[in-house]
Protein backbone atom coordinates (compact mmCIF):
# COMPACT_ATOMS: atom_id res chain seq x y z
CA MET A 1 0.00 0.00 0.00
CA PRO A 2 1.37 3.46 -0.83
CA GLU A 3 2.45 5.22 2.36
CA LEU A 4 3.05 8.88 3.20
CA PRO A 5 6.07 9.50 0.91
CA GLU A 6 4.44 7.79 -2.06
CA VAL A 7 1.13 9.62 -1.59
CA GLU A 8 3.00 12.93 -1.10
CA THR A 9 4.96 12.34 -4.31
CA ILE A 10 1.81 11.58 -6.29
CA ALA A 11 -0.12 14.53 -4.84
CA ASN A 12 2.73 16.96 -5.56
CA GLY A 13 3.10 15.63 -9.10
CA VAL A 14 -0.60 15.90 -9.87
CA HIS A 15 -0.77 19.39 -8.31
CA ALA A 16 2.09 20.63 -10.49
CA ARG A 17 0.38 19.36 -13.63
CA VAL A 18 -3.28 20.26 -13.10
CA GLN A 19 -3.56 23.22 -10.70
CA GLY A 20 -5.89 25.84 -12.16
CA GLN A 21 -7.44 23.46 -14.68
CA ARG A 22 -11.19 23.06 -15.07
CA ILE A 23 -12.74 19.59 -15.10
CA ALA A 24 -14.81 19.34 -18.29
CA SER A 25 -16.30 15.89 -17.72
CA VAL A 26 -16.18 12.88 -15.42
CA TRP A 27 -16.41 9.19 -16.28
CA THR A 28 -16.71 6.42 -13.67
CA SER A 29 -16.64 2.66 -14.18
CA GLY A 30 -19.59 1.62 -12.06
CA LYS A 31 -17.52 -1.10 -10.40
CA PRO A 32 -18.44 -1.94 -6.78
CA GLN A 33 -16.23 -1.05 -3.78
CA THR A 34 -14.38 1.81 -5.48
CA PHE A 35 -16.85 4.59 -4.73
CA LYS A 36 -17.45 5.68 -1.14
CA SER A 37 -19.69 8.50 -2.42
CA PRO A 38 -22.32 7.78 -5.09
CA GLU A 39 -20.92 8.07 -8.59
CA ALA A 40 -23.59 10.58 -9.58
CA GLU A 41 -22.59 12.81 -6.65
CA ILE A 42 -18.93 12.63 -7.67
CA SER A 43 -19.76 13.49 -11.27
CA ASP A 44 -22.07 16.37 -10.34
CA ALA A 45 -19.60 17.83 -7.83
CA LEU A 46 -16.54 17.66 -10.07
CA THR A 47 -17.90 18.53 -13.51
CA GLY A 48 -17.23 22.20 -14.25
CA ALA A 49 -15.16 22.72 -11.10
CA MET A 50 -11.71 24.31 -11.08
CA ILE A 51 -8.82 22.48 -9.41
CA GLU A 52 -7.47 24.80 -6.74
CA SER A 53 -4.89 22.43 -5.27
CA VAL A 54 -3.91 18.80 -4.75
CA ARG A 55 -2.34 17.83 -1.45
CA ARG A 56 -1.75 14.88 0.84
CA VAL A 57 -3.47 14.30 4.19
CA GLY A 58 -2.22 11.10 5.80
CA LYS A 59 -2.51 8.44 3.09
CA THR A 60 -5.28 10.34 1.29
CA ILE A 61 -4.92 12.60 -1.75
CA VAL A 62 -7.16 15.65 -1.35
CA MET A 63 -8.12 17.56 -4.48
CA THR A 64 -9.63 20.92 -3.55
CA LEU A 65 -12.01 22.36 -6.14
CA THR A 66 -14.03 25.54 -6.44
CA ARG A 67 -17.17 26.05 -8.46
CA ALA A 68 -17.98 29.14 -10.50
CA GLY A 69 -19.86 31.94 -8.79
CA SER A 70 -19.34 35.34 -7.29
CA LYS A 71 -16.58 35.97 -4.77
CA THR A 72 -19.09 35.67 -1.94
CA ASP A 73 -20.84 32.46 -2.96
CA ARG A 74 -18.07 30.26 -4.35
CA SER A 75 -18.40 26.75 -2.99
CA ARG A 76 -15.40 24.61 -2.16
CA ILE A 77 -15.40 20.86 -2.59
CA GLU A 78 -12.75 18.33 -1.59
CA PHE A 79 -12.39 15.15 -3.65
CA LEU A 80 -10.77 12.44 -1.53
CA ILE A 81 -8.72 9.75 -3.25
CA HIS A 82 -7.44 6.83 -1.19
CA LEU A 83 -5.19 4.57 -3.24
CA GLY A 84 -5.74 1.41 -1.21
CA MET A 85 -3.31 -1.41 -2.03
CA THR A 86 -2.78 -0.94 -5.76
CA GLY A 87 -4.29 2.41 -6.71
CA ARG A 88 -2.60 4.83 -9.11
CA LEU A 89 -3.43 8.42 -10.02
CA LEU A 90 -2.02 9.32 -13.42
CA VAL A 91 -2.09 12.48 -15.52
CA SER A 92 -2.18 11.36 -19.16
CA SER A 93 -2.65 12.62 -22.67
CA PRO A 94 -5.89 11.28 -24.19
CA ASP A 95 -3.91 9.40 -26.85
CA VAL A 96 -2.13 7.29 -24.20
CA PRO A 97 -3.92 3.90 -24.05
CA GLN A 98 -6.22 3.59 -21.07
CA PRO A 99 -4.78 1.10 -18.55
CA PRO A 100 -6.87 -1.90 -17.50
CA HIS A 101 -8.77 -1.43 -14.24
CA THR A 102 -9.32 2.30 -14.80
CA HIS A 103 -12.26 3.30 -12.60
CA ALA A 104 -12.44 7.09 -13.00
CA ILE A 105 -11.34 9.61 -15.60
CA LEU A 106 -11.48 13.37 -15.04
CA THR A 107 -11.16 15.03 -18.45
CA LEU A 108 -9.70 18.51 -18.17
CA ALA A 109 -10.48 21.54 -20.31
CA ASP A 110 -7.13 21.11 -22.10
CA HIS A 111 -8.17 17.50 -22.93
CA ARG A 112 -5.65 15.82 -20.64
CA GLU A 113 -7.02 13.16 -18.30
CA ILE A 114 -6.59 12.40 -14.60
CA ARG A 115 -7.01 8.63 -14.37
CA PHE A 116 -7.64 6.55 -11.26
CA VAL A 117 -6.45 2.99 -11.82
CA ASP A 118 -6.91 0.27 -9.20
CA PRO A 119 -6.66 -3.46 -10.08
CA ARG A 120 -7.67 -4.76 -6.64
CA ARG A 121 -10.35 -2.12 -5.98
CA PHE A 122 -9.34 -1.43 -2.38
CA GLY A 123 -9.06 2.30 -3.15
CA ARG A 124 -11.87 4.72 -2.37
CA LEU A 125 -13.18 7.88 -4.04
CA SER A 126 -15.44 10.26 -2.14
CA ILE A 127 -16.63 13.86 -1.82
CA HIS A 128 -15.98 15.97 1.27
CA HIS A 129 -17.88 19.26 1.40
CA SER A 130 -16.51 22.37 3.09
CA ALA A 131 -17.62 25.97 2.79
CA ALA A 132 -15.37 28.49 1.05
CA PRO A 133 -13.72 31.19 3.17
CA GLN A 134 -16.11 34.02 3.94
CA ARG A 135 -15.33 37.52 5.20
CA THR A 136 -17.08 38.79 8.30
CA THR A 137 -18.59 42.25 8.67
CA GLU A 138 -15.20 43.25 10.12
CA ASN A 139 -13.67 42.10 6.81
CA VAL A 140 -11.80 39.26 8.53
CA GLU A 141 -11.63 35.96 6.67
CA ARG A 142 -12.99 33.09 8.72
CA SER A 143 -11.17 29.78 8.71
CA THR A 144 -13.31 27.03 7.19
CA PRO A 145 -13.51 23.30 7.83
CA HIS A 146 -11.44 21.07 5.60
CA TYR A 147 -10.41 17.45 5.57
CA THR A 148 -7.75 16.84 8.22
CA GLY A 149 -7.59 13.05 8.36
CA PRO A 150 -7.91 10.68 11.32
CA GLY A 151 -4.63 11.34 13.17
CA ARG A 152 -1.70 13.69 13.65
CA GLU A 153 0.67 14.68 10.84
CA PRO A 154 4.04 12.94 11.44
CA LEU A 155 6.09 15.50 9.50
CA THR A 156 5.02 18.44 11.68
CA ILE A 157 4.04 17.00 15.07
CA SER A 158 5.87 18.52 18.03
CA LEU A 159 7.96 16.39 20.37
CA GLY A 160 5.56 16.93 23.25
CA ASP A 161 2.56 15.84 21.21
CA PHE A 162 4.48 12.89 19.77
CA VAL A 163 5.42 11.63 23.24
CA ALA A 164 1.83 12.06 24.45
CA LEU A 165 0.53 9.78 21.69
CA PHE A 166 2.26 6.75 23.20
CA ARG A 167 1.85 7.49 26.90
CA GLY A 168 0.27 4.55 28.77
CA ARG A 169 -0.23 2.42 25.67
CA LYS A 170 0.36 -1.31 26.13
CA THR A 171 0.55 -2.12 22.42
CA PRO A 172 3.92 -2.69 20.74
CA ILE A 173 5.54 0.50 19.49
CA LYS A 174 5.39 -0.79 15.89
CA ALA A 175 1.62 -1.34 16.15
CA ALA A 176 1.18 2.13 17.67
CA LEU A 177 3.10 3.71 14.78
CA LEU A 178 0.72 2.03 12.33
CA ASN A 179 -2.39 3.23 14.19
CA GLN A 180 -3.77 5.83 11.77
CA SER A 181 -5.86 7.46 14.50
CA LEU A 182 -2.58 8.39 16.22
CA LEU A 183 -0.24 9.21 13.31
CA HIS A 184 -1.76 9.15 9.86
CA GLY A 185 0.33 8.21 6.86
CA VAL A 186 2.92 5.95 8.50
CA GLY A 187 2.91 2.40 7.11
CA ASN A 188 4.90 -0.79 7.38
CA ILE A 189 7.97 0.28 5.42
CA TYR A 190 8.66 3.55 7.21
CA ALA A 191 7.77 2.26 10.69
CA ASP A 192 10.41 -0.48 10.31
CA GLU A 193 12.98 1.93 8.89
CA ALA A 194 12.41 4.56 11.59
CA LEU A 195 12.54 2.05 14.44
CA PHE A 196 15.85 0.72 13.11
CA ARG A 197 17.38 4.17 12.89
CA ALA A 198 16.12 4.97 16.41
CA GLY A 199 17.52 1.69 17.79
CA ILE A 200 14.16 0.53 19.19
CA ARG A 201 12.79 -3.01 18.87
CA PRO A 202 9.34 -3.17 17.26
CA ARG A 203 7.83 -5.28 20.07
CA ARG A 204 8.77 -2.78 22.79
CA GLN A 205 5.65 -1.72 24.67
CA ALA A 206 4.83 1.79 23.52
CA GLY A 207 4.04 3.08 27.01
CA ARG A 208 7.41 1.91 28.34
CA THR A 209 9.41 3.74 25.71
CA THR A 210 11.31 6.61 27.31
CA ARG A 211 11.01 10.24 26.28
CA ALA A 212 14.60 10.17 25.01
CA GLU A 213 13.83 7.10 22.87
CA LEU A 214 10.67 8.69 21.53
CA ALA A 215 12.63 11.83 20.68
CA ARG A 216 15.05 9.67 18.67
CA LEU A 217 12.11 7.91 17.03
CA ARG A 218 10.40 11.16 16.03
CA THR A 219 13.64 12.47 14.51
CA ALA A 220 14.27 9.18 12.71
CA LEU A 221 10.72 9.00 11.39
CA GLN A 222 10.74 12.55 10.04
CA THR A 223 14.21 12.07 8.51
CA VAL A 224 13.20 8.83 6.78
CA LEU A 225 9.93 10.26 5.47
CA LYS A 226 11.59 13.41 4.09
CA ARG A 227 14.37 11.39 2.45
CA ALA A 228 11.83 9.02 0.90
CA ILE A 229 9.82 11.96 -0.47
CA LYS A 230 12.99 13.38 -2.00
CA LEU A 231 13.65 10.05 -3.74
CA GLY A 232 10.06 9.69 -4.97
CA GLY A 233 9.00 7.00 -2.49
CA SER A 234 9.64 3.26 -2.38
CA SER A 235 8.63 1.12 -5.35
CA VAL A 236 8.42 -2.34 -3.81
CA SER A 237 5.14 -3.35 -5.49
CA ASP A 238 2.80 -1.46 -7.84
CA TYR A 239 3.63 2.10 -6.81
CA VAL A 240 4.40 4.70 -9.49
CA ASP A 241 4.10 8.49 -9.46
CA ALA A 242 1.75 10.71 -11.48
CA ASP A 243 3.86 10.14 -14.62
CA GLY A 244 4.05 6.37 -14.11
CA MET A 245 7.66 6.51 -12.84
CA ARG A 246 9.00 4.37 -10.00
CA GLY A 247 10.56 5.71 -6.79
CA TYR A 248 14.10 5.05 -5.53
CA PHE A 249 14.03 4.98 -1.73
CA GLN A 250 13.91 1.16 -1.70
CA ILE A 251 17.63 1.11 -2.49
CA GLU A 252 18.24 2.80 0.89
CA HIS A 253 16.12 0.40 2.99
CA LYS A 254 18.10 -0.77 6.01
CA VAL A 255 15.75 -3.50 7.25
CA TYR A 256 12.43 -3.60 5.38
CA GLY A 257 12.37 -6.50 2.91
CA ARG A 258 15.89 -7.59 3.94
CA GLY A 259 15.08 -10.63 6.10
CA ARG A 260 18.18 -12.84 6.67
CA GLU A 261 20.43 -10.34 4.93
CA PRO A 262 23.29 -8.82 6.99
CA CYS A 263 22.62 -5.60 8.87
CA THR A 264 24.40 -2.72 7.16
CA ASN A 265 25.62 -1.52 10.58
CA CYS A 266 26.77 -4.67 12.37
CA GLY A 267 26.44 -7.62 9.98
CA THR A 268 23.87 -9.48 12.11
CA PRO A 269 21.20 -11.14 9.93
CA ILE A 270 17.99 -9.08 9.80
CA ARG A 271 15.09 -10.90 11.44
CA LYS A 272 11.49 -10.96 10.23
CA ILE A 273 8.69 -11.38 12.74
CA VAL A 274 4.98 -10.53 12.91
CA VAL A 275 3.80 -7.58 15.00
CA GLY A 276 0.14 -6.65 15.01
CA GLY A 277 -0.46 -8.91 12.03
CA ARG A 278 2.18 -7.18 9.92
CA GLY A 279 5.49 -8.55 8.69
CA THR A 280 8.17 -6.66 10.60
CA HIS A 281 11.93 -6.44 10.00
CA PHE A 282 14.56 -5.47 12.59
CA CYS A 283 18.17 -6.01 13.65
CA PRO A 284 18.40 -7.96 16.95
CA THR A 285 21.77 -6.34 17.72
CA CYS A 286 21.23 -2.69 16.79
CA GLN A 287 17.69 -2.45 18.18
CA LYS A 288 17.12 -2.85 21.93
């Protein structure tokens, strides 16, 4: 499943290519499971709307759109795209053959297409409504509700708030990192990589992890995520960016996917275990 760096890479790539474009038409496949909002609602909301921005929230791509109207009655809509296990969001010329398992096509005014492709259909498309900013009688712009996701943002969370997330929790630290209601966007790859760099074993009880260890973990997690974004994410399965290109961070993995291979720090074979139902890689020497 694409994790934070992969979703960030896709969102940034789509934003750079389609910001300011108007959606001329919408096609959906009618396949079950893909659509969290009714297809007719998606089509009605998106058709004719202008793409204001595309960003990442957790593991969700959020496309913010505005509809035509006066400055005081513009409505803002957020189109939520969750890629699931195998989803792709591609910006393509109309003459590029349509990939199999394409479930939505947003045709832009310049005739390019935003295509949502998902072979396993675990992805979800939905509409989130939020009012556009309005100015008060004092001419002050009110903040307006927007999609914020289920948990805290790992790239910007403060140390104090990060430590508080794990206080008193009896679950393993690896399972807590994957809990999207705590930190959204962190998945299996980057939890393993961050725990290795912080020197913490994945089965350590979260509530017994010291503040100093959690400080190391927060730093390691943010460093790994930022490096992975810079390298376009990790292509270990179906992941590609908005242009269909693979990422490169997998070549820097220290533990993930390296079971029985020697640790790059100490030479001890990397172990693979199961934590919270997820395959988990760690070094028994470097992680305590």
